[in-house]
Amino acid sequence: MSQRIAVIGLGYIGLPTAAILASHGYQVLGVDVSDKHVDAVNAGQIPFVEPDLGTHVAGAVSRGLLTAQKDTPKADVYIIAVPTPFAEGHQADLSYIDAATDALLPRLEGGELVILESTSPPGATQHLADRITAARPELTTDQAGDPRNVDVAHCPERVLPGRVMVELVENDRIVGGLTPTAAERAKELYASFCHGEIFLTDAVTAEMAKLTENSFRDVNIAFANELSIIAEKVGVDVFELIELANKHPRVNILQPGPGVGGHCIAVDPWFIVSAVPDQARLIRTAREVNDSKPEHVIAQVLAHVEHHPAPVIAALGLAFKPDIDDMRESPALEITRTLAERAPHVTVLAVEPNISELPPRLAERPNVRLAPLDEALQRADVVALLVDHKEFKALDGPGGTAPVVDTRGAWRA
């Protein structure tokens, strides 16, 4: 294939996208500010845990179809897959998108396709296009067919960490173009590897679709998390309660947990709230319920050790979901950090099978140490099961007599 594709951002979405495109014959140039990510890719390796990604990267690199660098190259297609974290007041921070756009500006000649994959608030794709035309007024983004036009589209990712390489191929995609031509060009690219259906719309609808999907899930998780607190107050097992309620043919309650994490569900609903704060009342409340759940878990754990002079807490899991190393917005990480900070007399033994060293936010705490599972369980005065990694679920329970705060229902009798 003759098209050169630059994927800007080699993180949890960008690198799999670059690898799958290269595996389908495109010449792909990955761009990232991190030396670690660039060096890993050029060595045919991966800088984070994701099943099957390593095989795709190694194969593409060995065939000369995937390379990585820090500078943005000349390309026919640019895919921007950079973070969109919070700014003040839960507003979206578009600075990474702006920086990626600024880096490709000098390379544009007209005729390129620029795709924004980063999850974005409504209007972000138009914002990107406006940034192009403001800096390069000789170019356009709304004159399809003009040789000086740059086609701009939004194609939000819709994959689950731990299944990214499968879902990139199998899941349906939504493509929103600033023009119908931009949408069609983006669809043609994704159709080269995506077996799911590809639905075309405008850019703002595509942006809202991704936010809506994750807000829907957040609201449903909030119901389960609120129910878990109510069940505790009335003295019933929430997991049994949900199991029984779900016997109804039209009821499907999700499972509660210690909170909500990850780069999507914990973040995206706030972009809707910040865009229309007076109308997004239910979405805001769901976010507040889920954001408050870690504090409830912290109180449960500390209640078990309040009379110990030098207690040991086993914190099982730091990632935001099972069997990955991704700790973005992880409630387990926040719970572990807060326990160590709020109770400096405790020793926290953090068990996370998918990492080899503590993240900086924990490493700076002198009373936190990364420990093997057997040591943590043996020494613990209380066990907090925060993530149901397969290593933990393989056990019948923690053994011993230490009380357990099981936020996942993994050790129910």
Protein backbone atom coordinates (compact mmCIF):
# COMPACT_ATOMS: atom_id res chain seq x y z
CA MET A 1 0.00 0.00 0.00
CA SER A 2 1.37 3.38 -0.98
CA GLN A 3 -0.07 5.52 1.84
CA ARG A 4 2.30 6.57 4.61
CA ILE A 5 0.52 6.78 7.93
CA ALA A 6 1.81 8.65 10.96
CA VAL A 7 0.27 7.61 14.28
CA ILE A 8 0.91 10.30 16.86
CA GLY A 9 0.90 8.85 20.36
CA LEU A 10 2.11 5.29 20.96
CA GLY A 11 0.13 4.56 24.09
CA TYR A 12 -2.59 2.05 24.86
CA ILE A 13 -4.57 3.02 21.73
CA GLY A 14 -2.01 4.51 19.35
CA LEU A 15 0.46 1.63 19.37
CA PRO A 16 -2.15 -1.09 18.75
CA THR A 17 -3.61 1.04 15.94
CA ALA A 18 -0.17 1.53 14.42
CA ALA A 19 0.58 -2.20 14.72
CA ILE A 20 -2.68 -3.35 13.16
CA LEU A 21 -2.27 -0.94 10.23
CA ALA A 22 1.31 -2.07 9.65
CA SER A 23 0.20 -5.70 9.86
CA HIS A 24 -2.17 -4.95 6.98
CA GLY A 25 0.59 -3.65 4.75
CA TYR A 26 0.69 0.09 5.42
CA GLN A 27 3.97 1.92 5.99
CA VAL A 28 3.45 3.25 9.50
CA LEU A 29 5.55 5.81 11.34
CA GLY A 30 4.82 5.98 15.05
CA VAL A 31 5.47 9.23 16.90
CA ASP A 32 5.82 9.62 20.65
CA VAL A 33 7.52 12.00 23.08
CA SER A 34 8.69 9.07 25.23
CA ASP A 35 12.14 7.63 24.55
CA LYS A 36 11.00 4.45 26.28
CA HIS A 37 8.13 3.93 23.85
CA VAL A 38 10.14 4.86 20.77
CA ASP A 39 13.06 2.61 21.70
CA ALA A 40 10.78 -0.30 22.60
CA VAL A 41 8.92 -0.17 19.30
CA ASN A 42 12.08 0.11 17.21
CA ALA A 43 13.38 -2.96 19.05
CA GLY A 44 10.19 -4.83 18.15
CA GLN A 45 9.01 -4.79 21.75
CA ILE A 46 6.08 -3.26 23.64
CA PRO A 47 6.28 -0.84 26.59
CA PHE A 48 3.12 -2.05 28.37
CA VAL A 49 1.04 -5.19 28.82
CA GLU A 50 -1.55 -5.96 26.13
CA PRO A 51 -2.25 -9.51 24.90
CA ASP A 52 -1.18 -10.22 21.28
CA LEU A 53 0.19 -6.70 20.74
CA GLY A 54 3.79 -7.88 21.03
CA THR A 55 3.37 -10.34 18.16
CA HIS A 56 1.94 -7.67 15.87
CA VAL A 57 4.65 -5.14 16.75
CA ALA A 58 7.50 -7.60 16.37
CA GLY A 59 6.17 -8.81 13.02
CA ALA A 60 5.58 -5.33 11.62
CA VAL A 61 9.00 -4.08 12.72
CA SER A 62 10.77 -7.11 11.27
CA ARG A 63 9.04 -6.50 7.92
CA GLY A 64 10.11 -2.86 7.94
CA LEU A 65 6.52 -1.61 8.03
CA LEU A 66 6.60 -0.03 11.49
CA THR A 67 9.17 2.37 12.91
CA ALA A 68 9.01 4.92 15.71
CA GLN A 69 10.49 8.38 16.19
CA LYS A 70 10.01 11.53 18.24
CA ASP A 71 9.57 13.98 15.34
CA THR A 72 6.40 14.12 13.25
CA PRO A 73 7.18 13.07 9.64
CA LYS A 74 5.57 13.89 6.31
CA ALA A 75 2.67 11.49 5.77
CA ASP A 76 -0.51 11.02 3.79
CA VAL A 77 -2.60 10.18 6.84
CA TYR A 78 -2.18 11.40 10.41
CA ILE A 79 -3.91 9.59 13.28
CA ILE A 80 -3.81 11.51 16.56
CA ALA A 81 -4.15 9.22 19.59
CA VAL A 82 -2.90 11.32 22.49
CA PRO A 83 -4.35 11.71 26.00
CA THR A 84 -7.19 14.09 26.86
CA PRO A 85 -6.90 14.40 30.64
CA PHE A 86 -8.73 16.74 32.97
CA ALA A 87 -8.09 20.43 33.22
CA GLU A 88 -9.45 22.50 36.11
CA GLY A 89 -13.07 21.83 36.96
CA HIS A 90 -13.20 18.55 35.01
CA GLN A 91 -12.85 20.40 31.72
CA ALA A 92 -11.06 18.54 28.93
CA ASP A 93 -7.38 19.40 28.57
CA LEU A 94 -6.81 19.66 24.81
CA SER A 95 -3.14 20.64 25.11
CA TYR A 96 -1.90 17.25 23.91
CA ILE A 97 -4.15 17.44 20.85
CA ASP A 98 -2.93 21.00 20.22
CA ALA A 99 0.71 19.93 20.51
CA ALA A 100 0.19 17.02 18.11
CA THR A 101 -1.57 19.33 15.65
CA ASP A 102 1.17 21.94 15.87
CA ALA A 103 3.81 19.30 15.18
CA LEU A 104 2.17 18.18 11.94
CA LEU A 105 1.33 21.71 10.70
CA PRO A 106 4.65 22.27 8.91
CA ARG A 107 4.25 18.96 7.07
CA LEU A 108 0.87 19.69 5.50
CA GLU A 109 0.65 20.48 1.79
CA GLY A 110 -3.03 19.76 1.14
CA GLY A 111 -4.66 16.43 0.38
CA GLU A 112 -3.82 14.81 3.71
CA LEU A 113 -6.31 13.06 5.98
CA VAL A 114 -6.12 13.92 9.69
CA ILE A 115 -8.03 11.61 12.06
CA LEU A 116 -8.56 12.41 15.71
CA GLU A 117 -8.95 9.21 17.76
CA SER A 118 -8.49 10.80 21.17
CA THR A 119 -11.70 10.81 23.18
CA SER A 120 -12.84 14.41 23.00
CA PRO A 121 -15.60 16.79 24.07
CA PRO A 122 -18.02 18.02 21.43
CA GLY A 123 -16.31 20.49 19.12
CA ALA A 124 -12.75 19.21 19.59
CA THR A 125 -12.43 17.99 15.98
CA GLN A 126 -13.54 21.38 14.67
CA HIS A 127 -11.11 22.97 17.14
CA LEU A 128 -8.31 20.91 15.58
CA ALA A 129 -9.35 21.98 12.08
CA ASP A 130 -9.53 25.63 13.12
CA ARG A 131 -6.02 25.36 14.53
CA ILE A 132 -4.79 24.12 11.15
CA THR A 133 -6.40 26.90 9.14
CA ALA A 134 -5.37 29.58 11.65
CA ALA A 135 -1.71 28.62 11.35
CA ARG A 136 -1.85 27.75 7.64
CA PRO A 137 -4.47 30.09 6.08
CA GLU A 138 -3.62 28.86 2.59
CA LEU A 139 -5.13 25.48 3.55
CA THR A 140 -8.81 24.61 4.03
CA THR A 141 -10.65 21.88 5.90
CA ASP A 142 -14.16 22.34 4.49
CA GLN A 143 -13.57 22.43 0.72
CA ALA A 144 -13.59 18.77 -0.25
CA GLY A 145 -11.87 18.17 -3.57
CA ASP A 146 -9.75 21.32 -3.44
CA PRO A 147 -6.06 20.35 -3.70
CA ARG A 148 -5.30 22.62 -0.72
CA ASN A 149 -7.91 20.96 1.47
CA VAL A 150 -7.02 18.81 4.47
CA ASP A 151 -9.72 16.28 5.33
CA VAL A 152 -10.41 16.05 9.07
CA ALA A 153 -12.41 13.32 10.81
CA HIS A 154 -13.05 11.90 14.25
CA CYS A 155 -12.99 8.14 14.85
CA PRO A 156 -13.19 7.38 18.57
CA GLU A 157 -11.62 4.18 19.82
CA ARG A 158 -14.06 1.64 21.27
CA VAL A 159 -11.81 -1.10 22.64
CA LEU A 160 -11.38 -2.81 25.99
CA PRO A 161 -7.88 -3.00 27.51
CA GLY A 162 -6.86 -6.64 27.56
CA ARG A 163 -8.79 -7.28 24.31
CA VAL A 164 -7.57 -4.38 22.19
CA MET A 165 -6.11 -6.41 19.33
CA VAL A 166 -9.31 -8.43 19.02
CA GLU A 167 -11.72 -5.54 19.32
CA LEU A 168 -9.81 -3.28 16.92
CA VAL A 169 -10.75 -5.80 14.24
CA GLU A 170 -14.14 -7.04 15.42
CA ASN A 171 -15.90 -4.00 16.86
CA ASP A 172 -18.09 -1.63 14.87
CA ARG A 173 -16.64 1.84 14.36
CA ILE A 174 -18.14 5.31 14.19
CA VAL A 175 -16.55 7.82 11.84
CA GLY A 176 -17.53 11.47 11.93
CA GLY A 177 -16.20 13.80 9.28
CA LEU A 178 -16.14 17.56 9.07
CA THR A 179 -17.19 16.85 5.49
CA PRO A 180 -18.76 13.75 3.93
CA THR A 181 -15.57 13.26 1.91
CA ALA A 182 -13.44 13.23 5.05
CA ALA A 183 -15.73 10.63 6.60
CA GLU A 184 -15.57 8.43 3.49
CA ARG A 185 -11.77 8.62 3.35
CA ALA A 186 -11.49 7.64 7.00
CA LYS A 187 -13.97 4.82 6.52
CA GLU A 188 -11.92 3.43 3.64
CA LEU A 189 -8.83 3.34 5.85
CA TYR A 190 -10.53 1.59 8.78
CA ALA A 191 -12.31 -0.84 6.47
CA SER A 192 -8.91 -2.22 5.48
CA PHE A 193 -8.65 -3.98 8.85
CA CYS A 194 -12.00 -3.60 10.63
CA HIS A 195 -14.47 -6.46 10.15
CA GLY A 196 -17.23 -4.67 12.06
CA GLU A 197 -19.62 -2.23 10.47
CA ILE A 198 -18.47 1.35 10.02
CA PHE A 199 -21.12 4.02 10.54
CA LEU A 200 -20.71 7.51 9.11
CA THR A 201 -21.92 10.69 10.77
CA ASP A 202 -20.72 14.21 11.48
CA ALA A 203 -17.81 14.90 13.80
CA VAL A 204 -19.79 16.26 16.77
CA THR A 205 -22.14 13.27 16.77
CA ALA A 206 -19.14 10.92 16.69
CA GLU A 207 -17.60 12.77 19.63
CA MET A 208 -20.85 12.56 21.59
CA ALA A 209 -21.35 8.88 20.72
CA LYS A 210 -18.17 7.86 22.54
CA LEU A 211 -19.00 10.02 25.54
CA THR A 212 -22.55 8.66 25.61
CA GLU A 213 -21.42 5.03 25.53
CA ASN A 214 -19.18 5.49 28.55
CA SER A 215 -21.65 7.69 30.42
CA PHE A 216 -24.29 4.98 30.04
CA ARG A 217 -21.92 2.44 31.55
CA ASP A 218 -20.92 4.85 34.31
CA VAL A 219 -24.55 5.42 35.32
CA ASN A 220 -25.14 1.68 35.52
CA ILE A 221 -21.98 1.08 37.54
CA ALA A 222 -23.02 3.89 39.88
CA PHE A 223 -26.29 2.07 40.54
CA ALA A 224 -24.34 -1.07 41.51
CA ASN A 225 -21.89 0.89 43.67
CA GLU A 226 -24.65 2.77 45.47
CA LEU A 227 -26.51 -0.51 45.95
CA SER A 228 -23.40 -2.05 47.54
CA ILE A 229 -23.37 0.66 50.21
CA ILE A 230 -27.11 0.29 50.83
CA ALA A 231 -26.74 -3.49 51.09
CA GLU A 232 -23.99 -3.11 53.65
CA LYS A 233 -26.19 -0.81 55.73
CA VAL A 234 -29.10 -3.27 55.78
CA GLY A 235 -26.85 -6.29 56.33
CA VAL A 236 -27.04 -8.25 53.08
CA ASP A 237 -24.43 -9.53 50.62
CA VAL A 238 -24.64 -7.23 47.61
CA PHE A 239 -23.25 -9.84 45.26
CA GLU A 240 -25.92 -12.37 46.23
CA LEU A 241 -28.52 -9.60 46.02
CA ILE A 242 -27.51 -8.69 42.47
CA GLU A 243 -27.36 -12.34 41.45
CA LEU A 244 -30.91 -12.85 42.62
CA ALA A 245 -32.24 -9.60 41.15
CA ASN A 246 -30.69 -10.52 37.81
CA LYS A 247 -32.88 -13.62 37.66
CA HIS A 248 -35.58 -11.25 36.43
CA PRO A 249 -35.60 -11.45 32.60
CA ARG A 250 -35.40 -7.67 32.18
CA VAL A 251 -32.87 -6.87 34.90
CA ASN A 252 -29.12 -6.88 34.33
CA ILE A 253 -27.37 -5.09 37.19
CA LEU A 254 -23.61 -4.72 36.83
CA GLN A 255 -21.10 -5.67 39.52
CA PRO A 256 -19.94 -3.12 42.09
CA GLY A 257 -16.31 -2.42 42.81
CA PRO A 258 -14.00 0.00 44.64
CA GLY A 259 -14.76 2.79 42.17
CA VAL A 260 -14.36 3.35 38.44
CA GLY A 261 -11.06 3.77 36.63
CA GLY A 262 -9.47 3.74 33.22
CA HIS A 263 -9.03 6.30 30.51
CA CYS A 264 -12.69 6.29 29.44
CA ILE A 265 -15.48 5.68 31.95
CA ALA A 266 -13.87 7.66 34.77
CA VAL A 267 -13.22 10.63 32.49
CA ASP A 268 -15.60 10.87 29.53
CA PRO A 269 -18.86 11.63 31.39
CA TRP A 270 -17.29 14.79 32.81
CA PHE A 271 -16.85 16.07 29.24
CA ILE A 272 -20.63 15.95 28.80
CA VAL A 273 -21.19 17.54 32.21
CA SER A 274 -18.77 20.37 31.46
CA ALA A 275 -20.38 20.98 28.06
CA VAL A 276 -23.98 21.19 29.38
CA PRO A 277 -23.73 21.41 33.18
CA ASP A 278 -27.34 22.39 33.86
CA GLN A 279 -28.83 19.47 31.93
CA ALA A 280 -26.42 16.62 32.75
CA ARG A 281 -27.79 16.02 36.25
CA LEU A 282 -27.99 12.22 36.26
CA ILE A 283 -24.60 11.87 34.57
CA ARG A 284 -23.02 14.20 37.14
CA THR A 285 -24.59 12.31 40.06
CA ALA A 286 -23.33 8.98 38.71
CA ARG A 287 -19.82 10.38 38.49
CA GLU A 288 -20.05 11.66 42.05
CA VAL A 289 -21.29 8.27 43.32
CA ASN A 290 -18.45 6.41 41.62
CA ASP A 291 -15.83 8.97 42.61
CA SER A 292 -16.91 8.64 46.24
CA LYS A 293 -16.69 4.85 46.40
CA PRO A 294 -12.92 4.69 47.09
CA GLU A 295 -13.43 6.73 50.26
CA HIS A 296 -15.99 4.17 51.46
CA VAL A 297 -13.49 1.35 50.90
CA ILE A 298 -10.75 3.26 52.71
CA ALA A 299 -13.01 3.67 55.74
CA GLN A 300 -13.82 -0.06 55.71
CA VAL A 301 -10.13 -1.01 55.68
CA LEU A 302 -9.04 1.45 58.35
CA ALA A 303 -11.87 0.34 60.64
CA HIS A 304 -10.23 -3.08 60.86
CA VAL A 305 -6.85 -1.74 62.00
CA GLU A 306 -7.74 1.28 64.13
CA HIS A 307 -6.63 -0.46 67.32
CA HIS A 308 -3.40 -1.95 65.89
CA PRO A 309 -0.23 -0.04 66.84
CA ALA A 310 1.65 -0.99 63.66
CA PRO A 311 -0.71 -2.80 61.30
CA VAL A 312 0.04 -4.33 57.92
CA ILE A 313 -2.45 -3.84 55.09
CA ALA A 314 -2.32 -6.12 52.05
CA ALA A 315 -3.60 -4.13 49.07
CA LEU A 316 -4.27 -6.62 46.28
CA GLY A 317 -4.24 -4.99 42.87
CA LEU A 318 -3.30 -1.54 41.59
CA ALA A 319 -4.54 -1.59 37.98
CA PHE A 320 -7.95 -0.25 37.07
CA LYS A 321 -9.17 -3.65 35.83
CA PRO A 322 -8.07 -7.30 35.98
CA ASP A 323 -4.99 -8.77 34.31
CA ILE A 324 -3.46 -5.62 32.83
CA ASP A 325 -0.88 -3.08 34.04
CA ASP A 326 -2.90 0.02 33.18
CA MET A 327 -3.31 2.24 36.24
CA ARG A 328 -4.91 5.30 34.64
CA GLU A 329 -7.53 6.76 37.01
CA SER A 330 -7.35 3.52 39.00
CA PRO A 331 -9.43 3.54 42.19
CA ALA A 332 -7.23 0.74 43.55
CA LEU A 333 -4.16 2.92 43.16
CA GLU A 334 -5.90 5.86 44.80
CA ILE A 335 -7.12 3.71 47.69
CA THR A 336 -3.63 2.30 48.30
CA ARG A 337 -2.01 5.74 48.16
CA THR A 338 -4.59 7.27 50.50
CA LEU A 339 -4.29 4.44 53.03
CA ALA A 340 -0.55 4.95 53.22
CA GLU A 341 -0.89 8.73 53.43
CA ARG A 342 -3.72 8.89 55.93
CA ALA A 343 -2.28 6.24 58.26
CA PRO A 344 1.51 6.70 58.23
CA HIS A 345 1.87 4.16 61.06
CA VAL A 346 0.69 1.32 58.78
CA THR A 347 2.74 -0.73 56.37
CA VAL A 348 1.04 -1.26 53.03
CA LEU A 349 2.13 -4.30 51.05
CA ALA A 350 0.94 -3.68 47.51
CA VAL A 351 0.53 -6.74 45.31
CA GLU A 352 0.31 -6.13 41.57
CA PRO A 353 1.38 -9.11 39.42
CA ASN A 354 1.59 -7.07 36.21
CA ILE A 355 4.30 -4.57 37.23
CA SER A 356 7.89 -4.83 38.47
CA GLU A 357 8.11 -1.52 40.33
CA LEU A 358 5.75 0.82 42.07
CA PRO A 359 4.38 3.81 40.18
CA PRO A 360 5.83 7.16 41.33
CA ARG A 361 2.73 8.13 43.35
CA LEU A 362 3.30 5.09 45.58
CA ALA A 363 7.08 4.84 45.42
CA GLU A 364 7.35 8.21 47.18
CA ARG A 365 5.49 6.81 50.19
CA PRO A 366 8.00 5.25 52.63
CA ASN A 367 5.39 2.92 54.14
CA VAL A 368 4.41 1.25 50.83
CA ARG A 369 6.27 -1.67 49.29
CA LEU A 370 5.60 -3.91 46.29
CA ALA A 371 5.36 -7.41 47.72
CA PRO A 372 4.70 -10.97 46.52
CA LEU A 373 1.22 -12.30 47.19
CA ASP A 374 2.23 -14.98 49.68
CA GLU A 375 4.16 -12.53 51.89
CA ALA A 376 1.35 -9.98 51.84
CA LEU A 377 -1.27 -12.54 52.85
CA GLN A 378 0.94 -14.03 55.54
CA ARG A 379 1.73 -10.70 57.20
CA ALA A 380 -1.57 -8.88 56.72
CA ASP A 381 -3.73 -7.64 59.58
CA VAL A 382 -6.38 -6.81 56.96
CA VAL A 383 -6.62 -7.78 53.29
CA ALA A 384 -8.15 -5.41 50.75
CA LEU A 385 -8.97 -7.16 47.48
CA LEU A 386 -9.16 -4.23 45.06
CA VAL A 387 -8.70 -5.87 41.65
CA ASP A 388 -9.76 -9.41 40.78
CA HIS A 389 -6.61 -10.44 38.94
CA LYS A 390 -6.51 -14.11 37.94
CA GLU A 391 -3.77 -14.76 40.51
CA PHE A 392 -6.13 -13.70 43.29
CA LYS A 393 -9.21 -15.46 41.96
CA ALA A 394 -7.22 -18.70 41.74
CA LEU A 395 -7.20 -18.78 45.55
CA ASP A 396 -10.19 -19.97 47.55
CA GLY A 397 -9.53 -17.04 49.86
CA PRO A 398 -6.68 -15.32 51.64
CA GLY A 399 -6.25 -17.99 54.29
CA GLY A 400 -5.42 -17.07 57.87
CA THR A 401 -7.62 -15.05 60.16
CA ALA A 402 -7.14 -11.50 58.85
CA PRO A 403 -10.40 -9.75 57.95
CA VAL A 404 -11.04 -9.18 54.25
CA VAL A 405 -12.52 -6.22 52.42
CA ASP A 406 -13.47 -7.92 49.15
CA THR A 407 -14.58 -5.16 46.81
CA ARG A 408 -14.98 -7.53 43.86
CA GLY A 409 -16.81 -10.50 45.35
CA ALA A 410 -13.99 -12.77 44.20
CA TRP A 411 -13.79 -14.79 47.41
CA ARG A 412 -17.43 -15.36 48.14
CA ALA A 413 -18.10 -18.76 49.70
